[in-house]
Amino acid sequence: RQEAHHYGDILQTDHLDSYSNLSYKSLGVLQWIVEHCPTHRFYVYMDSDVLIWLDGLRSFLGTVPYRRGTIYCNCWARATIRRSGKHAVPLTSDSFATYPVYCAGGFMIMTGDVPSLLLRAHRSVLSINSRPDRSMGYIGVDDAYFTGILADRVGVRRVKALDIDINLTGVPTVQWIVDK
């Protein structure tokens, strides 16, 4: 409690901590970014079990062209929406067979304007009445929701900026490669 009061760096959101509520957790992070550090050029968004090579990240950020409204990530295209299992999305949430292009979870870099754009898009899909175009609504699959569904609604680009491979030890390694 003392650290939270002194530094303001402990985030707490009001929802059940479960896999199906990951989107709420991500929503809390984006809201915190917008409220507490809105002027940065880039934000790195990564899972707690991801390790990064800081020199590679620094090099990437120093050379990548700054294009507003961009998320640099490992992109998934035409991924099938699962209707059962851990990543299930019920038909009541949407009737589509595939997700829009979205960033694979784990690691992404977004330009400074993206968090507020995604929050604006989230507010617009809270009600089914705001979806006359039959676009997808809220789902619990956080990476597909924020970097796919919401990014599409507000025109955020997803740029394949890195390849994630598994090396011989089974540990994921990140190569800093930009598609131009």
Protein backbone atom coordinates (compact mmCIF):
# COMPACT_ATOMS: atom_id res chain seq x y z
CA ARG A 1 0.00 0.00 0.00
CA GLN A 2 2.84 2.41 0.82
CA GLU A 3 4.52 1.77 -2.54
CA ALA A 4 1.25 2.26 -4.40
CA HIS A 5 0.68 5.56 -2.61
CA HIS A 6 4.27 6.78 -3.04
CA TYR A 7 4.94 5.75 -6.66
CA GLY A 8 1.47 5.23 -8.11
CA ASP A 9 2.77 2.20 -10.01
CA ILE A 10 0.57 -0.60 -8.71
CA LEU A 11 -2.49 -1.18 -10.85
CA GLN A 12 -5.63 -2.72 -9.45
CA THR A 13 -8.79 -3.30 -11.44
CA ASP A 14 -12.22 -4.36 -10.22
CA HIS A 15 -12.87 -7.73 -11.85
CA LEU A 16 -12.42 -11.43 -11.17
CA ASP A 17 -8.84 -12.43 -12.03
CA SER A 18 -9.48 -15.12 -14.64
CA TYR A 19 -8.31 -15.94 -18.14
CA SER A 20 -11.65 -14.86 -19.62
CA ASN A 21 -11.19 -11.42 -18.06
CA LEU A 22 -7.78 -10.64 -19.59
CA SER A 23 -9.36 -7.91 -21.70
CA TYR A 24 -10.41 -6.10 -18.52
CA LYS A 25 -6.85 -6.32 -17.22
CA SER A 26 -5.51 -4.88 -20.51
CA LEU A 27 -8.16 -2.18 -20.39
CA GLY A 28 -6.88 -1.15 -16.96
CA VAL A 29 -3.30 -0.94 -18.25
CA LEU A 30 -4.32 1.21 -21.23
CA GLN A 31 -6.37 3.50 -18.98
CA TRP A 32 -3.40 3.90 -16.62
CA ILE A 33 -1.10 4.76 -19.54
CA VAL A 34 -3.50 7.42 -20.82
CA GLU A 35 -3.94 8.95 -17.36
CA HIS A 36 -0.36 8.78 -16.03
CA CYS A 37 2.09 8.89 -18.95
CA PRO A 38 0.31 10.16 -22.07
CA THR A 39 3.28 11.85 -23.76
CA HIS A 40 5.63 8.97 -24.57
CA ARG A 41 6.45 8.18 -28.20
CA PHE A 42 6.26 4.41 -27.72
CA TYR A 43 4.87 1.92 -25.22
CA VAL A 44 6.12 -1.63 -24.86
CA TYR A 45 3.34 -4.02 -23.90
CA MET A 46 4.50 -7.48 -22.87
CA ASP A 47 3.49 -10.47 -20.79
CA SER A 48 5.17 -11.01 -17.45
CA ASP A 49 6.88 -14.18 -18.68
CA VAL A 50 8.60 -12.50 -21.65
CA LEU A 51 12.26 -11.52 -21.60
CA ILE A 52 13.59 -8.90 -23.97
CA TRP A 53 17.02 -7.96 -25.19
CA LEU A 54 17.24 -4.28 -24.20
CA ASP A 55 19.97 -3.41 -26.71
CA GLY A 56 17.79 -4.85 -29.49
CA LEU A 57 14.76 -2.91 -28.26
CA ARG A 58 16.77 0.31 -28.02
CA SER A 59 18.15 -0.22 -31.52
CA PHE A 60 14.68 -0.94 -32.91
CA LEU A 61 13.14 2.15 -31.32
CA GLY A 62 16.02 4.27 -32.59
CA THR A 63 15.64 3.16 -36.21
CA VAL A 64 11.94 2.43 -36.76
CA PRO A 65 10.13 5.25 -38.57
CA TYR A 66 7.58 6.86 -36.26
CA ARG A 67 4.13 6.46 -37.80
CA ARG A 68 1.21 7.50 -35.61
CA GLY A 69 -1.44 4.87 -35.05
CA THR A 70 0.86 1.86 -35.36
CA ILE A 71 1.44 -1.32 -33.39
CA TYR A 72 4.65 -3.23 -34.19
CA CYS A 73 4.21 -6.90 -33.40
CA ASN A 74 4.03 -10.46 -34.61
CA CYS A 75 0.80 -10.41 -36.66
CA TRP A 76 -1.79 -13.14 -37.00
CA ALA A 77 -4.05 -13.07 -40.06
CA ARG A 78 -7.31 -14.95 -40.62
CA ALA A 79 -7.09 -16.78 -37.28
CA THR A 80 -10.15 -18.94 -36.68
CA ILE A 81 -12.39 -17.90 -33.80
CA ARG A 82 -12.69 -20.85 -31.44
CA ARG A 83 -16.08 -21.65 -29.99
CA SER A 84 -14.87 -24.02 -27.27
CA GLY A 85 -11.89 -24.37 -24.96
CA LYS A 86 -9.66 -21.82 -23.26
CA HIS A 87 -9.87 -19.26 -26.09
CA ALA A 88 -13.60 -19.71 -26.73
CA VAL A 89 -15.71 -16.81 -27.95
CA PRO A 90 -19.45 -17.53 -27.79
CA LEU A 91 -21.64 -16.84 -30.81
CA THR A 92 -23.48 -14.26 -28.72
CA SER A 93 -20.34 -12.07 -28.87
CA ASP A 94 -19.97 -12.23 -32.65
CA SER A 95 -20.95 -14.32 -35.63
CA PHE A 96 -17.70 -14.15 -37.58
CA ALA A 97 -15.53 -17.17 -38.41
CA THR A 98 -12.15 -15.41 -38.27
CA TYR A 99 -10.55 -12.51 -36.41
CA PRO A 100 -9.26 -9.43 -38.19
CA VAL A 101 -5.45 -9.17 -38.34
CA TYR A 102 -4.21 -8.90 -34.75
CA CYS A 103 -1.00 -8.98 -32.76
CA ALA A 104 0.01 -12.25 -31.16
CA GLY A 105 0.06 -11.84 -27.41
CA GLY A 106 3.27 -11.69 -25.49
CA PHE A 107 5.01 -8.62 -26.87
CA MET A 108 4.20 -5.52 -28.90
CA ILE A 109 5.32 -1.93 -29.31
CA MET A 110 2.70 0.75 -29.88
CA THR A 111 3.07 4.39 -30.78
CA GLY A 112 2.09 6.90 -28.13
CA ASP A 113 -1.33 7.69 -29.55
CA VAL A 114 -2.54 4.08 -29.73
CA PRO A 115 -3.70 3.57 -26.10
CA SER A 116 -6.19 6.45 -26.27
CA LEU A 117 -7.39 5.32 -29.71
CA LEU A 118 -8.04 1.79 -28.42
CA LEU A 119 -9.88 3.12 -25.35
CA ARG A 120 -12.08 5.28 -27.59
CA ALA A 121 -12.87 2.26 -29.75
CA HIS A 122 -13.64 0.15 -26.66
CA ARG A 123 -16.21 2.69 -25.47
CA SER A 124 -17.88 2.53 -28.89
CA VAL A 125 -18.39 -1.26 -28.77
CA LEU A 126 -19.74 -1.49 -25.22
CA SER A 127 -23.27 -1.44 -26.56
CA ILE A 128 -24.52 -3.66 -29.37
CA ASN A 129 -26.54 -0.64 -30.53
CA SER A 130 -23.29 1.10 -31.44
CA ARG A 131 -22.48 -1.67 -33.91
CA PRO A 132 -24.86 -1.10 -36.83
CA ASP A 133 -22.20 -2.40 -39.20
CA ARG A 134 -22.27 -5.81 -37.42
CA SER A 135 -18.66 -5.37 -36.38
CA MET A 136 -17.40 -7.54 -33.57
CA GLY A 137 -18.14 -6.56 -29.99
CA TYR A 138 -16.35 -7.11 -26.69
CA ILE A 139 -14.58 -10.46 -26.25
CA GLY A 140 -12.31 -11.81 -23.52
CA VAL A 141 -9.43 -12.73 -25.87
CA ASP A 142 -7.40 -9.61 -25.11
CA ASP A 143 -4.88 -9.58 -27.95
CA ALA A 144 -7.54 -10.21 -30.61
CA TYR A 145 -9.91 -7.70 -29.00
CA PHE A 146 -7.52 -4.76 -28.57
CA THR A 147 -5.10 -5.18 -31.47
CA GLY A 148 -7.59 -6.68 -33.92
CA ILE A 149 -11.20 -5.67 -33.37
CA LEU A 150 -10.60 -2.28 -31.74
CA ALA A 151 -7.57 -1.42 -33.87
CA ASP A 152 -9.69 -2.00 -37.00
CA ARG A 153 -12.42 0.31 -35.71
CA VAL A 154 -10.03 3.26 -35.31
CA GLY A 155 -7.62 2.57 -38.18
CA VAL A 156 -4.60 1.47 -36.14
CA ARG A 157 -2.04 -0.31 -38.33
CA ARG A 158 -0.47 -3.58 -37.25
CA VAL A 159 3.03 -3.87 -38.69
CA LYS A 160 4.93 -7.13 -38.64
CA ALA A 161 8.05 -5.93 -36.90
CA LEU A 162 9.57 -8.99 -35.32
CA ASP A 163 9.72 -12.72 -35.70
CA ILE A 164 9.42 -14.91 -32.66
CA ASP A 165 11.15 -18.25 -32.98
CA ILE A 166 11.75 -21.10 -30.60
CA ASN A 167 15.44 -21.91 -30.28
CA LEU A 168 16.86 -25.35 -29.53
CA THR A 169 16.51 -24.86 -25.79
CA GLY A 170 12.77 -24.26 -26.18
CA VAL A 171 13.12 -20.65 -25.06
CA PRO A 172 11.43 -18.10 -27.35
CA THR A 173 13.88 -15.67 -28.94
CA VAL A 174 13.00 -12.37 -30.55
CA GLN A 175 14.70 -11.13 -33.70
CA TRP A 176 14.32 -7.43 -34.40
CA ILE A 177 13.28 -7.34 -38.05
CA VAL A 178 11.12 -4.66 -39.61
CA ASP A 179 9.00 -5.36 -42.70
CA LYS A 180 9.03 -2.27 -44.89
